[in-house]
Amino acid sequence: MYEAIKKLAKRCLPKQLLLKNELFLRKFLAMRYKGDAFACNICGSKLSGFLPLANGELLCPACGSLPRNRRLWHLLQEEKLLKGSVLDFSPSRCLARKMRSQKGIRYLSSDFVGEFEAEKSHDITAIAEPDASFDLVVCYHVLEHVPADRQAMAELCRVLKPGGKAIVQTPFKDGDIYEDASITSPEDRLRHFGQADHVRVYAADGLAGRLRNAGFSVEIRRFQEDAYHGMKENEIVLIASK
């Protein structure tokens, strides 16, 4: 039902109008989910439950956060990674709003294809920023869209300051990275890689290896379920340090 209403709204209303009034509209949606059994750690809403999507993801009705957004925010807060200059690629709106509200950081968001609200439109394979510009780079669900992913990883390393960190996540599979440059149609990419605009499926060890080859040291983190905050079991996040 939620997905159907969302599609109808996108079809009938201008995008900018929807974005401008998103939180106002979500306020009414969230009224149905008021309670104290669950909580969103991004917007602070107490909920009777999260909104289940058709793909199994649990959406916060108040701010639109997904499990991976809530996990990322927890990680950033728990390990005090949010400091100095931050570059965030293709950010979710809920996290972009949260990070822009933080004092003491310089937050810069980038979206290359125009699907997200962002200040910049950087090509991740040729980032138009000086060397050693950022203390933190967030690269969530981006690299699986990028044909020249090794070049992108080299650029992430270049723009990080010494001692800086890149937080990286993509969809993962067991075994080895699966990619095939001859698979180019949206239909075939959907069938092989799980989404029409993906160009590969990473394995965590394989992605960590490519990041190490780009100059990072890498830690693979595996997290357990946090049902109260709507976070998944066995979620994987890579922390790459320069």
C-alpha atoms as a PDB file:
ATOM      1  CA  MET A   1       0.000   0.000   0.000  1.00  0.00           C
ATOM      2  CA  TYR A   2       2.778   2.450   0.941  1.00  0.00           C
ATOM      3  CA  GLU A   3       4.637   1.815  -2.322  1.00  0.00           C
ATOM      4  CA  ALA A   4       1.430   2.328  -4.327  1.00  0.00           C
ATOM      5  CA  ILE A   5       0.704   5.653  -2.610  1.00  0.00           C
ATOM      6  CA  LYS A   6       4.308   6.752  -3.125  1.00  0.00           C
ATOM      7  CA  LYS A   7       4.180   5.954  -6.856  1.00  0.00           C
ATOM      8  CA  LEU A   8       0.880   7.813  -7.214  1.00  0.00           C
ATOM      9  CA  ALA A   9       2.260  10.873  -5.413  1.00  0.00           C
ATOM     10  CA  LYS A  10       5.377  10.904  -7.621  1.00  0.00           C
ATOM     11  CA  ARG A  11       3.230  10.642 -10.739  1.00  0.00           C
ATOM     12  CA  CYS A  12       0.777  13.378  -9.729  1.00  0.00           C
ATOM     13  CA  LEU A  13       2.898  15.896  -7.829  1.00  0.00           C
ATOM     14  CA  PRO A  14       6.067  17.815  -8.787  1.00  0.00           C
ATOM     15  CA  LYS A  15       9.236  16.382  -7.277  1.00  0.00           C
ATOM     16  CA  GLN A  16      10.245  19.633  -5.601  1.00  0.00           C
ATOM     17  CA  LEU A  17       6.835  19.959  -3.974  1.00  0.00           C
ATOM     18  CA  LEU A  18       7.131  16.445  -2.556  1.00  0.00           C
ATOM     19  CA  LEU A  19      10.643  17.080  -1.241  1.00  0.00           C
ATOM     20  CA  LYS A  20       9.647  20.398   0.314  1.00  0.00           C
ATOM     21  CA  ASN A  21       6.709  18.835   2.141  1.00  0.00           C
ATOM     22  CA  GLU A  22       8.167  15.385   2.846  1.00  0.00           C
ATOM     23  CA  LEU A  23       8.392  15.709   6.630  1.00  0.00           C
ATOM     24  CA  PHE A  24       4.946  17.295   6.818  1.00  0.00           C
ATOM     25  CA  LEU A  25       3.444  14.386   4.866  1.00  0.00           C
ATOM     26  CA  ARG A  26       5.369  11.815   6.891  1.00  0.00           C
ATOM     27  CA  LYS A  27       4.027  13.359  10.087  1.00  0.00           C
ATOM     28  CA  PHE A  28       0.545  12.140   9.150  1.00  0.00           C
ATOM     29  CA  LEU A  29       1.817   8.712   8.117  1.00  0.00           C
ATOM     30  CA  ALA A  30       3.688   8.330  11.390  1.00  0.00           C
ATOM     31  CA  MET A  31       0.565   8.970  13.486  1.00  0.00           C
ATOM     32  CA  ARG A  32      -0.620   5.460  12.611  1.00  0.00           C
ATOM     33  CA  TYR A  33       2.620   3.985  14.009  1.00  0.00           C
ATOM     34  CA  LYS A  34       2.861   5.769  17.345  1.00  0.00           C
ATOM     35  CA  GLY A  35       3.909   3.535  20.225  1.00  0.00           C
ATOM     36  CA  ASP A  36       6.850   2.549  22.365  1.00  0.00           C
ATOM     37  CA  ALA A  37       7.809  -0.941  21.155  1.00  0.00           C
ATOM     38  CA  PHE A  38      10.408   0.336  18.666  1.00  0.00           C
ATOM     39  CA  ALA A  39      12.426   3.480  18.021  1.00  0.00           C
ATOM     40  CA  CYS A  40      14.228   5.193  15.149  1.00  0.00           C
ATOM     41  CA  ASN A  41      17.674   6.313  16.266  1.00  0.00           C
ATOM     42  CA  ILE A  42      17.838   8.942  13.518  1.00  0.00           C
ATOM     43  CA  CYS A  43      14.691  10.984  14.091  1.00  0.00           C
ATOM     44  CA  GLY A  44      14.030   9.776  17.652  1.00  0.00           C
ATOM     45  CA  SER A  45      10.468   8.642  16.928  1.00  0.00           C
ATOM     46  CA  LYS A  46       8.945   6.008  19.223  1.00  0.00           C
ATOM     47  CA  LEU A  47       6.901   3.539  17.188  1.00  0.00           C
ATOM     48  CA  SER A  48       4.469   0.663  17.513  1.00  0.00           C
ATOM     49  CA  GLY A  49       6.326  -0.839  14.543  1.00  0.00           C
ATOM     50  CA  PHE A  50       8.293  -0.007  11.439  1.00  0.00           C
ATOM     51  CA  LEU A  51       6.576   0.126   8.063  1.00  0.00           C
ATOM     52  CA  PRO A  52       7.377  -3.098   6.161  1.00  0.00           C
ATOM     53  CA  LEU A  53       8.164  -2.601   2.484  1.00  0.00           C
ATOM     54  CA  ALA A  54       7.563  -5.122  -0.284  1.00  0.00           C
ATOM     55  CA  ASN A  55      11.287  -5.986  -0.394  1.00  0.00           C
ATOM     56  CA  GLY A  56      11.343  -6.804   3.328  1.00  0.00           C
ATOM     57  CA  GLU A  57      13.026  -3.567   4.423  1.00  0.00           C
ATOM     58  CA  LEU A  58      11.689  -1.787   7.515  1.00  0.00           C
ATOM     59  CA  LEU A  59      11.008   1.907   6.904  1.00  0.00           C
ATOM     60  CA  CYS A  60      10.687   4.522   9.628  1.00  0.00           C
ATOM     61  CA  PRO A  61       7.372   6.198   8.761  1.00  0.00           C
ATOM     62  CA  ALA A  62       8.446   9.454  10.406  1.00  0.00           C
ATOM     63  CA  CYS A  63      11.747  10.133   8.606  1.00  0.00           C
ATOM     64  CA  GLY A  64      11.998   7.495   5.863  1.00  0.00           C
ATOM     65  CA  SER A  65      15.113   5.788   7.225  1.00  0.00           C
ATOM     66  CA  LEU A  66      15.959   2.227   6.215  1.00  0.00           C
ATOM     67  CA  PRO A  67      17.818  -0.341   8.369  1.00  0.00           C
ATOM     68  CA  ARG A  68      21.162   0.471   6.724  1.00  0.00           C
ATOM     69  CA  ASN A  69      20.668   4.198   7.446  1.00  0.00           C
ATOM     70  CA  ARG A  70      19.991   3.529  11.105  1.00  0.00           C
ATOM     71  CA  ARG A  71      22.994   1.181  11.336  1.00  0.00           C
ATOM     72  CA  LEU A  72      25.261   3.768   9.736  1.00  0.00           C
ATOM     73  CA  TRP A  73      24.104   6.500  12.092  1.00  0.00           C
ATOM     74  CA  HIS A  74      24.667   4.217  15.085  1.00  0.00           C
ATOM     75  CA  LEU A  75      28.180   3.396  13.844  1.00  0.00           C
ATOM     76  CA  LEU A  76      29.062   7.047  13.259  1.00  0.00           C
ATOM     77  CA  GLN A  77      27.870   7.998  16.737  1.00  0.00           C
ATOM     78  CA  GLU A  78      29.218   4.975  18.597  1.00  0.00           C
ATOM     79  CA  GLU A  79      32.740   5.371  17.198  1.00  0.00           C
ATOM     80  CA  LYS A  80      32.735   9.181  17.078  1.00  0.00           C
ATOM     81  CA  LEU A  81      33.550   9.209  13.359  1.00  0.00           C
ATOM     82  CA  LEU A  82      31.487  12.269  12.515  1.00  0.00           C
ATOM     83  CA  LYS A  83      34.024  15.079  12.763  1.00  0.00           C
ATOM     84  CA  GLY A  84      35.937  17.565  10.645  1.00  0.00           C
ATOM     85  CA  SER A  85      35.132  17.491   6.935  1.00  0.00           C
ATOM     86  CA  VAL A  86      32.660  14.878   5.668  1.00  0.00           C
ATOM     87  CA  LEU A  87      31.950  13.861   2.068  1.00  0.00           C
ATOM     88  CA  ASP A  88      28.778  11.808   1.591  1.00  0.00           C
ATOM     89  CA  PHE A  89      27.963  10.160  -1.753  1.00  0.00           C
ATOM     90  CA  SER A  90      24.301   9.731  -2.795  1.00  0.00           C
ATOM     91  CA  PRO A  91      23.022  10.358   0.736  1.00  0.00           C
ATOM     92  CA  SER A  92      19.636   9.327   2.014  1.00  0.00           C
ATOM     93  CA  ARG A  93      17.545  12.387   2.827  1.00  0.00           C
ATOM     94  CA  CYS A  94      17.040  11.340   6.447  1.00  0.00           C
ATOM     95  CA  LEU A  95      20.791  11.094   7.085  1.00  0.00           C
ATOM     96  CA  ALA A  96      21.651  14.181   5.069  1.00  0.00           C
ATOM     97  CA  ARG A  97      19.218  16.201   7.187  1.00  0.00           C
ATOM     98  CA  LYS A  98      20.708  14.739  10.354  1.00  0.00           C
ATOM     99  CA  MET A  99      24.317  15.389   9.376  1.00  0.00           C
ATOM    100  CA  ARG A 100      23.625  18.924   8.190  1.00  0.00           C
ATOM    101  CA  SER A 101      22.233  19.674  11.641  1.00  0.00           C
ATOM    102  CA  GLN A 102      25.423  18.574  13.421  1.00  0.00           C
ATOM    103  CA  LYS A 103      27.641  21.316  14.806  1.00  0.00           C
ATOM    104  CA  GLY A 104      31.381  21.283  14.326  1.00  0.00           C
ATOM    105  CA  ILE A 105      31.523  19.451  10.986  1.00  0.00           C
ATOM    106  CA  ARG A 106      31.707  20.586   7.357  1.00  0.00           C
ATOM    107  CA  TYR A 107      29.249  18.373   5.555  1.00  0.00           C
ATOM    108  CA  LEU A 108      29.305  18.048   1.781  1.00  0.00           C
ATOM    109  CA  SER A 109      26.970  15.745  -0.125  1.00  0.00           C
ATOM    110  CA  SER A 110      27.308  14.641  -3.740  1.00  0.00           C
ATOM    111  CA  ASP A 111      24.943  12.990  -6.207  1.00  0.00           C
ATOM    112  CA  PHE A 112      26.156  12.352  -9.738  1.00  0.00           C
ATOM    113  CA  VAL A 113      22.909  11.342 -11.437  1.00  0.00           C
ATOM    114  CA  GLY A 114      20.442  13.737  -9.823  1.00  0.00           C
ATOM    115  CA  GLU A 115      18.436  11.236  -7.778  1.00  0.00           C
ATOM    116  CA  PHE A 116      19.260  12.762  -4.387  1.00  0.00           C
ATOM    117  CA  GLU A 117      19.404  16.239  -2.879  1.00  0.00           C
ATOM    118  CA  ALA A 118      23.068  17.250  -2.788  1.00  0.00           C
ATOM    119  CA  GLU A 119      25.389  20.244  -2.950  1.00  0.00           C
ATOM    120  CA  LYS A 120      27.738  18.715  -5.532  1.00  0.00           C
ATOM    121  CA  SER A 121      27.607  16.392  -8.524  1.00  0.00           C
ATOM    122  CA  HIS A 122      30.980  14.677  -8.297  1.00  0.00           C
ATOM    123  CA  ASP A 123      31.996  11.850 -10.587  1.00  0.00           C
ATOM    124  CA  ILE A 124      33.322   9.394  -7.999  1.00  0.00           C
ATOM    125  CA  THR A 125      36.017   8.262 -10.463  1.00  0.00           C
ATOM    126  CA  ALA A 126      37.331  11.846 -10.784  1.00  0.00           C
ATOM    127  CA  ILE A 127      36.365  13.738  -7.617  1.00  0.00           C
ATOM    128  CA  ALA A 128      36.813  17.472  -8.120  1.00  0.00           C
ATOM    129  CA  GLU A 129      38.254  18.077  -4.649  1.00  0.00           C
ATOM    130  CA  PRO A 130      41.878  18.594  -3.542  1.00  0.00           C
ATOM    131  CA  ASP A 131      44.022  15.800  -2.133  1.00  0.00           C
ATOM    132  CA  ALA A 132      43.560  15.079   1.579  1.00  0.00           C
ATOM    133  CA  SER A 133      40.390  17.190   1.907  1.00  0.00           C
ATOM    134  CA  PHE A 134      38.167  15.041   4.117  1.00  0.00           C
ATOM    135  CA  ASP A 135      38.290  13.326   7.488  1.00  0.00           C
ATOM    136  CA  LEU A 136      35.400  11.013   6.622  1.00  0.00           C
ATOM    137  CA  VAL A 137      33.889   9.713   3.393  1.00  0.00           C
ATOM    138  CA  VAL A 138      30.579   7.858   3.346  1.00  0.00           C
ATOM    139  CA  CYS A 139      30.132   5.657   0.280  1.00  0.00           C
ATOM    140  CA  TYR A 140      26.950   3.654   0.806  1.00  0.00           C
ATOM    141  CA  HIS A 141      25.407   1.643  -2.027  1.00  0.00           C
ATOM    142  CA  VAL A 142      27.368   3.473  -4.721  1.00  0.00           C
ATOM    143  CA  LEU A 143      30.264   1.307  -5.935  1.00  0.00           C
ATOM    144  CA  GLU A 144      27.987  -1.419  -7.309  1.00  0.00           C
ATOM    145  CA  HIS A 145      26.782   1.187  -9.839  1.00  0.00           C
ATOM    146  CA  VAL A 146      30.292   2.212 -10.987  1.00  0.00           C
ATOM    147  CA  PRO A 147      31.995   0.332 -13.865  1.00  0.00           C
ATOM    148  CA  ALA A 148      35.455   1.744 -13.007  1.00  0.00           C
ATOM    149  CA  ASP A 149      35.230   0.888  -9.322  1.00  0.00           C
ATOM    150  CA  ARG A 150      39.000   0.598  -8.792  1.00  0.00           C
ATOM    151  CA  GLN A 151      39.446   4.161 -10.019  1.00  0.00           C
ATOM    152  CA  ALA A 152      36.649   5.268  -7.684  1.00  0.00           C
ATOM    153  CA  MET A 153      38.389   3.611  -4.719  1.00  0.00           C
ATOM    154  CA  ALA A 154      41.671   5.295  -5.615  1.00  0.00           C
ATOM    155  CA  GLU A 155      39.865   8.638  -5.659  1.00  0.00           C
ATOM    156  CA  LEU A 156      38.288   7.982  -2.259  1.00  0.00           C
ATOM    157  CA  CYS A 157      41.760   7.322  -0.879  1.00  0.00           C
ATOM    158  CA  ARG A 158      43.179  10.427  -2.544  1.00  0.00           C
ATOM    159  CA  VAL A 159      40.647  12.877  -1.084  1.00  0.00           C
ATOM    160  CA  LEU A 160      40.901  11.433   2.440  1.00  0.00           C
ATOM    161  CA  LYS A 161      43.282  12.983   4.912  1.00  0.00           C
ATOM    162  CA  PRO A 162      45.931  10.731   6.476  1.00  0.00           C
ATOM    163  CA  GLY A 163      44.160   8.971   9.325  1.00  0.00           C
ATOM    164  CA  GLY A 164      40.779   9.517   7.667  1.00  0.00           C
ATOM    165  CA  LYS A 165      38.165   6.827   7.208  1.00  0.00           C
ATOM    166  CA  ALA A 166      35.803   5.729   4.463  1.00  0.00           C
ATOM    167  CA  ILE A 167      32.648   3.873   5.471  1.00  0.00           C
ATOM    168  CA  VAL A 168      31.629   1.602   2.605  1.00  0.00           C
ATOM    169  CA  GLN A 169      28.666  -0.681   2.050  1.00  0.00           C
ATOM    170  CA  THR A 170      27.133  -2.403  -0.967  1.00  0.00           C
ATOM    171  CA  PRO A 171      24.884  -5.431  -1.381  1.00  0.00           C
ATOM    172  CA  PHE A 172      26.998  -8.525  -0.673  1.00  0.00           C
ATOM    173  CA  LYS A 173      27.032 -12.173  -1.665  1.00  0.00           C
ATOM    174  CA  ASP A 174      29.011 -15.172  -0.484  1.00  0.00           C
ATOM    175  CA  GLY A 175      32.003 -16.375  -2.474  1.00  0.00           C
ATOM    176  CA  ASP A 176      33.642 -14.116  -5.043  1.00  0.00           C
ATOM    177  CA  ILE A 177      32.738 -10.825  -6.693  1.00  0.00           C
ATOM    178  CA  TYR A 178      30.422 -11.434  -9.633  1.00  0.00           C
ATOM    179  CA  GLU A 179      30.807  -9.071 -12.582  1.00  0.00           C
ATOM    180  CA  ASP A 180      30.661  -9.343 -16.343  1.00  0.00           C
ATOM    181  CA  ALA A 181      31.224  -6.282 -18.536  1.00  0.00           C
ATOM    182  CA  SER A 182      29.271  -7.883 -21.371  1.00  0.00           C
ATOM    183  CA  ILE A 183      26.064  -7.665 -19.304  1.00  0.00           C
ATOM    184  CA  THR A 184      24.752  -4.228 -20.214  1.00  0.00           C
ATOM    185  CA  SER A 185      20.973  -4.206 -20.629  1.00  0.00           C
ATOM    186  CA  PRO A 186      18.819  -3.202 -17.652  1.00  0.00           C
ATOM    187  CA  GLU A 187      16.907  -6.470 -17.917  1.00  0.00           C
ATOM    188  CA  ASP A 188      20.048  -8.596 -17.845  1.00  0.00           C
ATOM    189  CA  ARG A 189      21.595  -6.552 -15.051  1.00  0.00           C
ATOM    190  CA  LEU A 190      18.455  -7.005 -12.981  1.00  0.00           C
ATOM    191  CA  ARG A 191      18.619 -10.747 -13.546  1.00  0.00           C
ATOM    192  CA  HIS A 192      22.352 -11.104 -12.874  1.00  0.00           C
ATOM    193  CA  PHE A 193      23.102  -8.377 -10.326  1.00  0.00           C
ATOM    194  CA  GLY A 194      19.760  -7.844  -8.605  1.00  0.00           C
ATOM    195  CA  GLN A 195      19.063  -4.325  -9.859  1.00  0.00           C
ATOM    196  CA  ALA A 196      18.791  -2.818 -13.321  1.00  0.00           C
ATOM    197  CA  ASP A 197      21.506  -0.194 -12.707  1.00  0.00           C
ATOM    198  CA  HIS A 198      24.008  -2.431 -10.891  1.00  0.00           C
ATOM    199  CA  VAL A 199      27.146  -3.620 -12.684  1.00  0.00           C
ATOM    200  CA  ARG A 200      28.335  -6.257 -10.178  1.00  0.00           C
ATOM    201  CA  VAL A 201      27.642  -7.991  -6.895  1.00  0.00           C
ATOM    202  CA  TYR A 202      30.468  -7.759  -4.379  1.00  0.00           C
ATOM    203  CA  ALA A 203      31.653 -10.301  -1.869  1.00  0.00           C
ATOM    204  CA  ALA A 204      32.838  -8.578   1.308  1.00  0.00           C
ATOM    205  CA  ASP A 205      36.339 -10.069   1.125  1.00  0.00           C
ATOM    206  CA  GLY A 206      36.619  -9.168  -2.551  1.00  0.00           C
ATOM    207  CA  LEU A 207      35.608  -5.555  -1.964  1.00  0.00           C
ATOM    208  CA  ALA A 208      38.002  -5.334   0.987  1.00  0.00           C
ATOM    209  CA  GLY A 209      40.787  -6.605  -1.283  1.00  0.00           C
ATOM    210  CA  ARG A 210      40.129  -3.943  -3.905  1.00  0.00           C
ATOM    211  CA  LEU A 211      40.061  -1.243  -1.233  1.00  0.00           C
ATOM    212  CA  ARG A 212      43.406  -2.477   0.119  1.00  0.00           C
ATOM    213  CA  ASN A 213      44.865  -2.357  -3.378  1.00  0.00           C
ATOM    214  CA  ALA A 214      43.726   1.284  -3.560  1.00  0.00           C
ATOM    215  CA  GLY A 215      45.793   2.114  -0.467  1.00  0.00           C
ATOM    216  CA  PHE A 216      43.444   1.487   2.459  1.00  0.00           C
ATOM    217  CA  SER A 217      43.642  -0.743   5.456  1.00  0.00           C
ATOM    218  CA  VAL A 218      40.245  -2.377   5.834  1.00  0.00           C
ATOM    219  CA  GLU A 219      38.185  -3.838   8.644  1.00  0.00           C
ATOM    220  CA  ILE A 220      35.110  -5.916   7.815  1.00  0.00           C
ATOM    221  CA  ARG A 221      32.418  -5.434  10.454  1.00  0.00           C
ATOM    222  CA  ARG A 222      29.515  -7.859  10.846  1.00  0.00           C
ATOM    223  CA  PHE A 223      26.630  -6.722  13.003  1.00  0.00           C
ATOM    224  CA  GLN A 224      23.868  -8.565  14.788  1.00  0.00           C
ATOM    225  CA  GLU A 225      20.189  -7.749  14.750  1.00  0.00           C
ATOM    226  CA  ASP A 226      18.882  -4.805  16.771  1.00  0.00           C
ATOM    227  CA  ALA A 227      15.127  -5.334  16.540  1.00  0.00           C
ATOM    228  CA  TYR A 228      14.284  -2.329  18.709  1.00  0.00           C
ATOM    229  CA  HIS A 229      15.895   0.019  16.185  1.00  0.00           C
ATOM    230  CA  GLY A 230      14.881  -2.031  13.156  1.00  0.00           C
ATOM    231  CA  MET A 231      18.413  -3.099  12.192  1.00  0.00           C
ATOM    232  CA  LYS A 232      19.182  -6.312  10.314  1.00  0.00           C
ATOM    233  CA  GLU A 233      21.041  -9.399  11.417  1.00  0.00           C
ATOM    234  CA  ASN A 234      24.410 -10.176   9.783  1.00  0.00           C
ATOM    235  CA  GLU A 235      24.717  -6.718   8.213  1.00  0.00           C
ATOM    236  CA  ILE A 236      28.200  -6.025   6.835  1.00  0.00           C
ATOM    237  CA  VAL A 237      29.973  -2.655   6.784  1.00  0.00           C
ATOM    238  CA  LEU A 238      33.552  -2.001   5.664  1.00  0.00           C
ATOM    239  CA  ILE A 239      35.647   0.588   7.485  1.00  0.00           C
ATOM    240  CA  ALA A 240      38.564   1.654   5.287  1.00  0.00           C
ATOM    241  CA  SER A 241      41.342   3.694   6.908  1.00  0.00           C
ATOM    242  CA  LYS A 242      44.025   5.720   5.146  1.00  0.00           C
END
